[in-house]
């Protein structure tokens, strides 16, 4: 059967696609124009790493893993990079995780710039890293260490916790039923009315204050109060300046050193006098320190009290003069007679007047 031209073209196209897919699969790393320098590294484990995984220097793609094999109980990894100067003698290779889903890559660091580069095909120093299995094992161990004591704590606290929950339920029931102070606060509608009334009154008070009504409103709104306070402050400043400069009586009291010297001298004199008094010198010192004078004064006061008692009881001449009415009447009568005699003295001579007075008295 003859094949048409269209069939030939279609068959050629299918064969070309098949060959292209095979070439892509077999020569994935074939880059004829890319420079590739081979190196090797040895690890105890290379979990997750496979051929074709990227090689990154400081996180930047710089090559790929060529081959993974076992050599002398170690994992040998052959890889290449595009620039041999990237890897120094102190550079370190490490298998690192791309993410927590399992992706890995071979990571390298730059090393020291002053160290020489490793020759192509040389061995790169390695550093073992934690793989995903170790991380999961560590998480399991830590989880067991943390959660087991927590579970024991919860188990030990189960009964007290249940009792606390029951108490909270009883408290919530009482509050819901309006029992106790909190229950009344929650359920009493009168409290809401009182709060509303109080809020309304406060709003009214604030409006009045803002409008400048009342004493507080004037204190808040009247600018004259500020002016008065400002003038008062200025007056106080003037007074303080005058006192500071020594003007006026208060200024002299504060600044005059002579007054201080006089006060110091007066205090010294007072101290001298008090010392003399304490030593019993002078009249005041004797009055303060002489016991005999105290006894004499005490006896004198006792005698005066005795005399006053006798006078009050009518004893003696002075007592009778103070307490008896007869002497008062006799004295009044005598004075009346003397007054009449004095009136008649204008008509008689001296001798006659003297006789009349003596006759009147006796």
Protein backbone atom coordinates (compact mmCIF):
# COMPACT_ATOMS: atom_id res chain seq x y z
CA UNK A 1 0.00 0.00 0.00
CA UNK A 2 1.39 3.35 -1.00
CA UNK A 3 1.95 5.95 1.69
CA UNK A 4 0.76 9.42 0.93
CA UNK A 5 2.84 12.53 1.44
CA UNK A 6 0.68 13.69 4.38
CA UNK A 7 1.17 10.36 6.14
CA UNK A 8 4.89 10.56 5.61
CA UNK A 9 5.00 14.04 7.13
CA UNK A 10 2.90 12.96 10.12
CA UNK A 11 5.02 9.87 10.72
CA UNK A 12 8.19 11.92 10.52
CA UNK A 13 6.78 14.40 13.03
CA UNK A 14 5.88 11.62 15.51
CA UNK A 15 9.28 10.01 15.15
CA UNK A 16 10.95 13.40 15.70
CA UNK A 17 8.97 13.98 18.90
CA UNK A 18 9.85 10.50 20.17
CA UNK A 19 13.54 10.99 19.46
CA UNK A 20 13.47 14.43 21.10
CA UNK A 21 11.85 13.00 24.26
CA UNK A 22 14.45 10.20 24.40
CA UNK A 23 17.29 12.70 23.98
CA UNK A 24 15.87 14.93 26.70
CA UNK A 25 15.57 11.97 29.06
CA UNK A 26 19.01 10.50 28.31
CA UNK A 27 21.07 13.64 27.93
CA UNK A 28 19.34 15.88 30.48
CA UNK A 29 22.65 17.16 31.72
CA UNK A 30 24.25 17.46 28.39
CA UNK A 31 25.40 21.03 28.05
CA UNK A 32 28.09 21.20 25.47
CA UNK A 33 28.80 24.90 26.01
CA UNK A 34 28.86 24.83 29.83
CA UNK A 35 32.11 24.49 31.77
CA UNK A 36 31.89 21.65 34.33
CA UNK A 37 34.61 21.04 36.96
CA UNK A 38 34.26 17.78 38.88
CA UNK A 39 34.72 17.37 42.67
CA UNK A 40 33.86 14.74 45.22
CA UNK A 41 32.70 14.68 48.83
CA UNK A 42 32.16 11.94 51.41
CA UNK A 43 29.26 11.72 53.92
CA UNK A 44 28.11 9.23 56.52
CA UNK A 45 24.58 9.51 55.15
CA UNK A 46 22.93 11.12 52.13
CA UNK A 47 19.24 10.68 52.90
CA UNK A 48 17.03 12.24 50.24
CA UNK A 49 19.86 13.32 47.93
CA UNK A 50 19.78 11.85 44.39
CA UNK A 51 21.60 12.24 41.15
CA UNK A 52 20.73 15.43 39.31
CA UNK A 53 19.99 17.42 42.50
CA UNK A 54 21.38 20.96 42.43
CA UNK A 55 24.68 22.05 43.92
CA UNK A 56 24.41 25.53 45.41
CA UNK A 57 27.11 27.90 46.60
CA UNK A 58 25.72 30.30 49.23
CA UNK A 59 22.22 29.40 48.01
CA UNK A 60 22.95 30.08 44.32
CA UNK A 61 22.81 27.25 41.75
CA UNK A 62 26.37 26.46 40.67
CA UNK A 63 26.24 22.83 39.45
CA UNK A 64 24.62 19.42 39.91
CA UNK A 65 25.19 16.05 41.53
CA UNK A 66 26.58 13.55 39.00
CA UNK A 67 26.74 10.29 40.92
CA UNK A 68 26.03 8.85 44.38
CA UNK A 69 27.86 5.66 45.43
CA UNK A 70 29.19 3.72 48.42
CA UNK A 71 32.95 3.73 49.03
CA UNK A 72 34.71 2.39 52.16
CA UNK A 73 31.54 2.50 54.32
CA UNK A 74 30.93 6.09 53.26
CA UNK A 75 28.66 7.77 50.76
CA UNK A 76 30.62 9.27 47.88
CA UNK A 77 29.01 12.12 46.00
CA UNK A 78 30.48 13.21 42.69
CA UNK A 79 29.36 16.64 41.54
CA UNK A 80 30.46 19.46 39.33
CA UNK A 81 30.46 23.25 39.50
CA UNK A 82 30.81 25.86 36.82
CA UNK A 83 33.69 27.78 38.39
CA UNK A 84 36.59 26.08 40.17
CA UNK A 85 37.51 29.28 42.02
CA UNK A 86 34.27 29.04 44.00
CA UNK A 87 35.61 26.19 46.18
CA UNK A 88 38.53 26.84 48.55
CA UNK A 89 40.50 24.45 50.72
CA UNK A 90 38.42 25.37 53.81
CA UNK A 91 35.06 25.26 51.99
CA UNK A 92 32.51 22.92 53.52
CA UNK A 93 29.87 20.79 51.78
CA UNK A 94 26.63 19.92 53.55
CA UNK A 95 23.40 18.19 52.55
CA UNK A 96 20.66 20.68 53.30
CA UNK A 97 16.89 20.70 53.24
CA UNK A 98 15.12 22.76 50.63
CA UNK A 99 11.84 22.58 52.55
CA UNK A 100 9.99 20.34 54.98
CA UNK A 101 8.46 18.35 52.10
CA UNK A 102 11.69 16.45 51.48
CA UNK A 103 13.61 18.46 48.88
CA UNK A 104 17.39 18.50 49.42
CA UNK A 105 20.47 19.93 47.72
CA UNK A 106 24.23 19.89 48.16
CA UNK A 107 25.24 23.18 49.71
CA UNK A 108 28.73 24.72 49.64
CA UNK A 109 30.19 27.84 51.21
CA UNK A 110 32.83 30.13 49.76
CA UNK A 111 35.56 29.52 52.29
CA UNK A 112 38.31 32.04 53.03
CA UNK A 113 39.35 34.27 50.12
CA UNK A 114 43.03 33.99 51.11
CA UNK A 115 43.02 30.18 50.89
CA UNK A 116 43.89 28.52 47.55
CA UNK A 117 41.23 26.87 45.39
CA UNK A 118 40.88 23.09 45.31
CA UNK A 119 42.23 21.41 42.21
CA UNK A 120 39.62 19.92 39.86
CA UNK A 121 38.66 16.40 40.94
CA UNK A 122 39.72 17.11 44.52
CA UNK A 123 37.89 16.24 47.70
CA UNK A 124 35.78 18.84 49.48
CA UNK A 125 35.51 18.79 53.26
CA UNK A 126 32.06 17.94 54.56
CA UNK A 127 29.89 18.68 57.54
CA UNK A 128 27.12 16.33 58.55
CA UNK A 129 23.71 17.99 58.81
CA UNK A 130 20.47 16.91 60.37
CA UNK A 131 18.19 15.18 57.90
CA UNK A 132 14.43 14.98 58.00
CA UNK A 133 14.47 11.61 59.78
CA UNK A 134 16.62 13.00 62.58
CA UNK A 135 14.40 16.07 62.84
CA UNK A 136 11.31 13.86 63.12
CA UNK A 137 13.04 11.68 65.73
CA UNK A 138 14.03 14.77 67.73
CA UNK A 139 10.48 16.09 67.53
CA UNK A 140 9.15 12.74 68.74
CA UNK A 141 11.59 12.70 71.67
CA UNK A 142 10.84 16.28 72.62
CA UNK A 143 7.13 15.66 72.26
CA UNK A 144 7.38 12.71 74.60
CA UNK A 145 9.43 14.72 77.10
CA UNK A 146 7.00 17.65 77.06
CA UNK A 147 3.62 16.02 76.61
CA UNK A 148 4.07 13.16 79.06
CA UNK A 149 4.54 15.43 82.13
CA UNK A 150 1.73 17.61 80.79
CA UNK A 151 -0.53 14.57 80.52
CA UNK A 152 0.38 13.50 84.06
CA UNK A 153 -0.37 17.01 85.28
CA UNK A 154 -3.75 17.00 83.55
CA UNK A 155 -4.51 13.58 84.99
CA UNK A 156 -3.61 14.67 88.51
CA UNK A 157 -5.61 17.90 88.13
CA UNK A 158 -8.68 16.30 86.59
CA UNK A 159 -10.73 16.06 89.78
CA UNK A 160 -9.84 19.56 91.12
CA UNK A 161 -10.49 20.95 87.64
CA UNK A 162 -13.87 19.23 87.46
CA UNK A 163 -14.75 20.56 90.93
CA UNK A 164 -13.72 24.08 89.87
CA UNK A 165 -15.90 23.79 86.75
CA UNK A 166 -18.86 22.65 88.86
CA UNK A 167 -18.38 25.61 91.20
CA UNK A 168 -18.24 27.98 88.26
CA UNK A 169 -21.46 26.48 86.96
CA UNK A 170 -23.16 26.99 90.33
CA UNK A 171 -21.91 30.58 90.46
CA UNK A 172 -23.16 31.23 86.94
CA UNK A 173 -26.56 29.73 87.87
CA UNK A 174 -26.84 32.00 90.93
CA UNK A 175 -25.89 35.04 88.89
CA UNK A 176 -28.41 34.09 86.21
CA UNK A 177 -31.12 33.70 88.89
CA UNK A 178 -30.30 37.12 90.36
CA UNK A 179 -28.82 35.88 93.63
CA UNK A 180 -26.13 37.83 95.45
CA UNK A 181 -24.70 41.25 94.66
CA UNK A 182 -23.40 40.33 91.20
CA UNK A 183 -26.69 38.64 90.36
CA UNK A 184 -28.60 41.79 91.31
CA UNK A 185 -26.21 43.93 89.27
CA UNK A 186 -26.71 41.70 86.23
CA UNK A 187 -30.47 41.17 86.47
CA UNK A 188 -31.87 44.24 88.25
CA UNK A 189 -33.40 46.60 85.65
CA UNK A 190 -33.45 49.36 88.27
CA UNK A 191 -29.66 49.47 88.12
CA UNK A 192 -29.83 50.23 84.41
CA UNK A 193 -32.31 53.04 85.10
CA UNK A 194 -30.05 54.48 87.79
CA UNK A 195 -27.01 54.32 85.54
CA UNK A 196 -28.99 55.97 82.75
CA UNK A 197 -30.18 58.71 85.11
CA UNK A 198 -26.67 59.25 86.42
CA UNK A 199 -25.32 59.46 82.90
CA UNK A 200 -27.99 62.00 81.95
CA UNK A 201 -27.19 64.11 85.00
CA UNK A 202 -23.49 63.98 84.25
CA UNK A 203 -24.14 65.08 80.70
CA UNK A 204 -26.27 67.97 81.96
CA UNK A 205 -23.54 68.94 84.42
CA UNK A 206 -20.89 68.83 81.70
CA UNK A 207 -23.05 70.98 79.43
CA UNK A 208 -23.47 73.56 82.21
CA UNK A 209 -19.75 73.51 82.90
CA UNK A 210 -18.99 73.99 79.23
CA UNK A 211 -21.48 76.88 79.10
CA UNK A 212 -19.74 78.54 82.07
CA UNK A 213 -22.67 78.25 84.47
CA UNK A 214 -22.12 78.02 88.21
CA UNK A 215 -18.90 78.44 90.18
CA UNK A 216 -17.10 75.54 88.51
CA UNK A 217 -18.23 76.73 85.08
CA UNK A 218 -16.82 80.18 85.74
CA UNK A 219 -13.57 78.69 87.00
CA UNK A 220 -13.28 76.77 83.74
CA UNK A 221 -14.56 79.42 81.31
CA UNK A 222 -14.00 82.88 82.82
CA UNK A 223 -10.73 84.35 81.42
CA UNK A 224 -10.67 86.96 84.20
CA UNK A 225 -9.74 84.21 86.66
CA UNK A 226 -6.64 83.51 84.62
CA UNK A 227 -5.85 87.23 84.53
CA UNK A 228 -6.28 87.50 88.32
CA UNK A 229 -4.06 84.49 88.88
CA UNK A 230 -1.53 85.94 86.48
CA UNK A 231 -1.52 89.28 88.32
CA UNK A 232 -1.25 87.48 91.65
CA UNK A 233 1.71 85.51 90.35
CA UNK A 234 3.32 88.72 89.12
CA UNK A 235 2.76 90.33 92.54
CA UNK A 236 4.36 87.35 94.22
CA UNK A 237 7.28 87.64 91.84
CA UNK A 238 7.68 91.32 92.67
CA UNK A 239 7.48 90.61 96.39
CA UNK A 240 10.04 87.83 96.10
CA UNK A 241 12.35 90.14 94.13
CA UNK A 242 11.99 92.84 96.80
CA UNK A 243 12.69 90.32 99.54
CA UNK A 244 15.65 89.01 97.57
CA UNK A 245 17.08 92.53 97.13
CA UNK A 246 16.53 93.35 100.83
CA UNK A 247 13.72 95.87 100.40
CA UNK A 248 11.06 96.31 103.08
CA UNK A 249 10.86 94.79 106.53
CA UNK A 250 10.73 91.19 105.32
CA UNK A 251 13.63 91.82 102.95
CA UNK A 252 15.74 93.20 105.78
CA UNK A 253 14.80 90.26 107.99
CA UNK A 254 15.93 87.88 105.26
CA UNK A 255 19.05 89.69 104.00
CA UNK A 256 20.31 91.92 106.85
CA UNK A 257 23.30 90.17 108.42
CA UNK A 258 23.28 92.67 111.29
CA UNK A 259 19.92 91.31 112.43
CA UNK A 260 21.41 87.81 112.34
CA UNK A 261 24.38 88.99 114.42
CA UNK A 262 22.08 90.71 116.93
CA UNK A 263 19.88 87.62 117.16
CA UNK A 264 23.01 85.49 117.65
CA UNK A 265 24.22 87.88 120.39
CA UNK A 266 20.79 87.84 122.06
CA UNK A 267 20.77 84.05 122.02
CA UNK A 268 24.29 84.08 123.52
CA UNK A 269 23.09 86.44 126.28
CA UNK A 270 20.09 84.24 126.95
CA UNK A 271 22.39 81.22 127.11
CA UNK A 272 24.67 83.11 129.57
CA UNK A 273 21.70 84.08 131.74
CA UNK A 274 20.36 80.52 131.70
CA UNK A 275 23.81 79.24 132.72
CA UNK A 276 23.89 81.71 135.65
CA UNK A 277 20.38 80.71 136.64
CA UNK A 278 21.36 77.04 136.53
CA UNK A 279 24.41 77.81 138.71
CA UNK A 280 22.18 79.68 141.20
CA UNK A 281 23.75 83.10 140.59
CA UNK A 282 21.70 86.30 141.05
CA UNK A 283 18.18 86.75 142.35
CA UNK A 284 16.53 84.61 139.67
CA UNK A 285 19.13 81.90 140.15
CA UNK A 286 18.45 81.81 143.87
CA UNK A 287 14.72 81.78 143.25
CA UNK A 288 15.17 78.78 140.94
CA UNK A 289 17.80 76.83 142.87
CA UNK A 290 17.50 77.85 146.60
CA UNK A 291 15.35 75.27 148.45
CA UNK A 292 15.21 77.41 151.59
CA UNK A 293 13.62 80.26 149.65
CA UNK A 294 11.07 77.77 148.33
CA UNK A 295 10.28 76.69 151.91
CA UNK A 296 10.01 80.34 153.06
CA UNK A 297 7.66 81.13 150.17
CA UNK A 298 5.67 78.01 150.91
CA UNK A 299 5.36 78.96 154.58
CA UNK A 300 4.45 82.54 153.64
CA UNK A 301 1.73 81.34 151.29
CA UNK A 302 0.45 79.06 154.07
CA UNK A 303 0.28 81.97 156.49
CA UNK A 304 -1.51 84.15 153.96
CA UNK A 305 -4.02 81.35 153.43
CA UNK A 306 -4.51 81.11 157.22
CA UNK A 307 -5.06 84.90 157.53
CA UNK A 308 -7.46 84.88 154.59
CA UNK A 309 -9.36 82.00 156.19
CA UNK A 310 -9.66 83.90 159.50
CA UNK A 311 -10.82 87.06 157.70
CA UNK A 312 -13.36 85.02 155.75
CA UNK A 313 -14.62 83.48 159.00
CA UNK A 314 -14.92 86.97 160.67
CA UNK A 315 -12.10 86.56 163.17
CA UNK A 316 -10.10 89.63 164.28
CA UNK A 317 -10.64 93.28 163.58
CA UNK A 318 -10.25 93.03 159.79
CA UNK A 319 -12.55 90.03 159.72
CA UNK A 320 -15.23 91.92 161.61
CA UNK A 321 -14.82 94.97 159.39
CA UNK A 322 -15.42 92.77 156.33
CA UNK A 323 -18.12 90.42 157.68
CA UNK A 324 -20.20 92.46 160.30
CA UNK A 325 -22.91 94.89 159.14
CA UNK A 326 -23.07 96.80 162.51
CA UNK A 327 -19.69 98.39 161.97
CA UNK A 328 -20.82 99.49 158.48
CA UNK A 329 -23.96 101.10 159.93
CA UNK A 330 -22.05 102.83 162.79
CA UNK A 331 -19.51 104.17 160.32
CA UNK A 332 -22.29 105.45 158.07
CA UNK A 333 -24.02 107.20 161.04
CA UNK A 334 -20.75 108.81 162.14
CA UNK A 335 -20.05 110.11 158.66
CA UNK A 336 -23.57 111.56 158.55
CA UNK A 337 -22.94 113.42 161.82
CA UNK A 338 -19.60 114.70 160.54
CA UNK A 339 -21.33 116.01 157.46
CA UNK A 340 -23.85 117.99 159.59
CA UNK A 341 -21.05 119.37 161.73
CA UNK A 342 -19.15 120.52 158.66
CA UNK A 343 -22.26 122.34 157.46
CA UNK A 344 -22.53 124.28 160.78
CA UNK A 345 -18.89 125.27 160.94
CA UNK A 346 -19.52 128.30 158.76
CA UNK A 347 -21.44 130.05 161.62
CA UNK A 348 -19.12 129.25 164.55
CA UNK A 349 -15.51 129.85 165.32
CA UNK A 350 -12.81 127.30 165.28
CA UNK A 351 -13.03 126.47 168.93
CA UNK A 352 -16.75 126.28 168.86
CA UNK A 353 -16.58 124.07 165.77
CA UNK A 354 -14.05 121.81 167.46
CA UNK A 355 -16.27 121.55 170.47
CA UNK A 356 -19.27 120.80 168.38
CA UNK A 357 -17.35 118.00 166.54
CA UNK A 358 -16.11 116.51 169.79
CA UNK A 359 -19.55 116.75 171.29
CA UNK A 360 -21.07 115.11 168.30
CA UNK A 361 -18.59 112.28 168.30
CA UNK A 362 -18.56 111.65 172.02
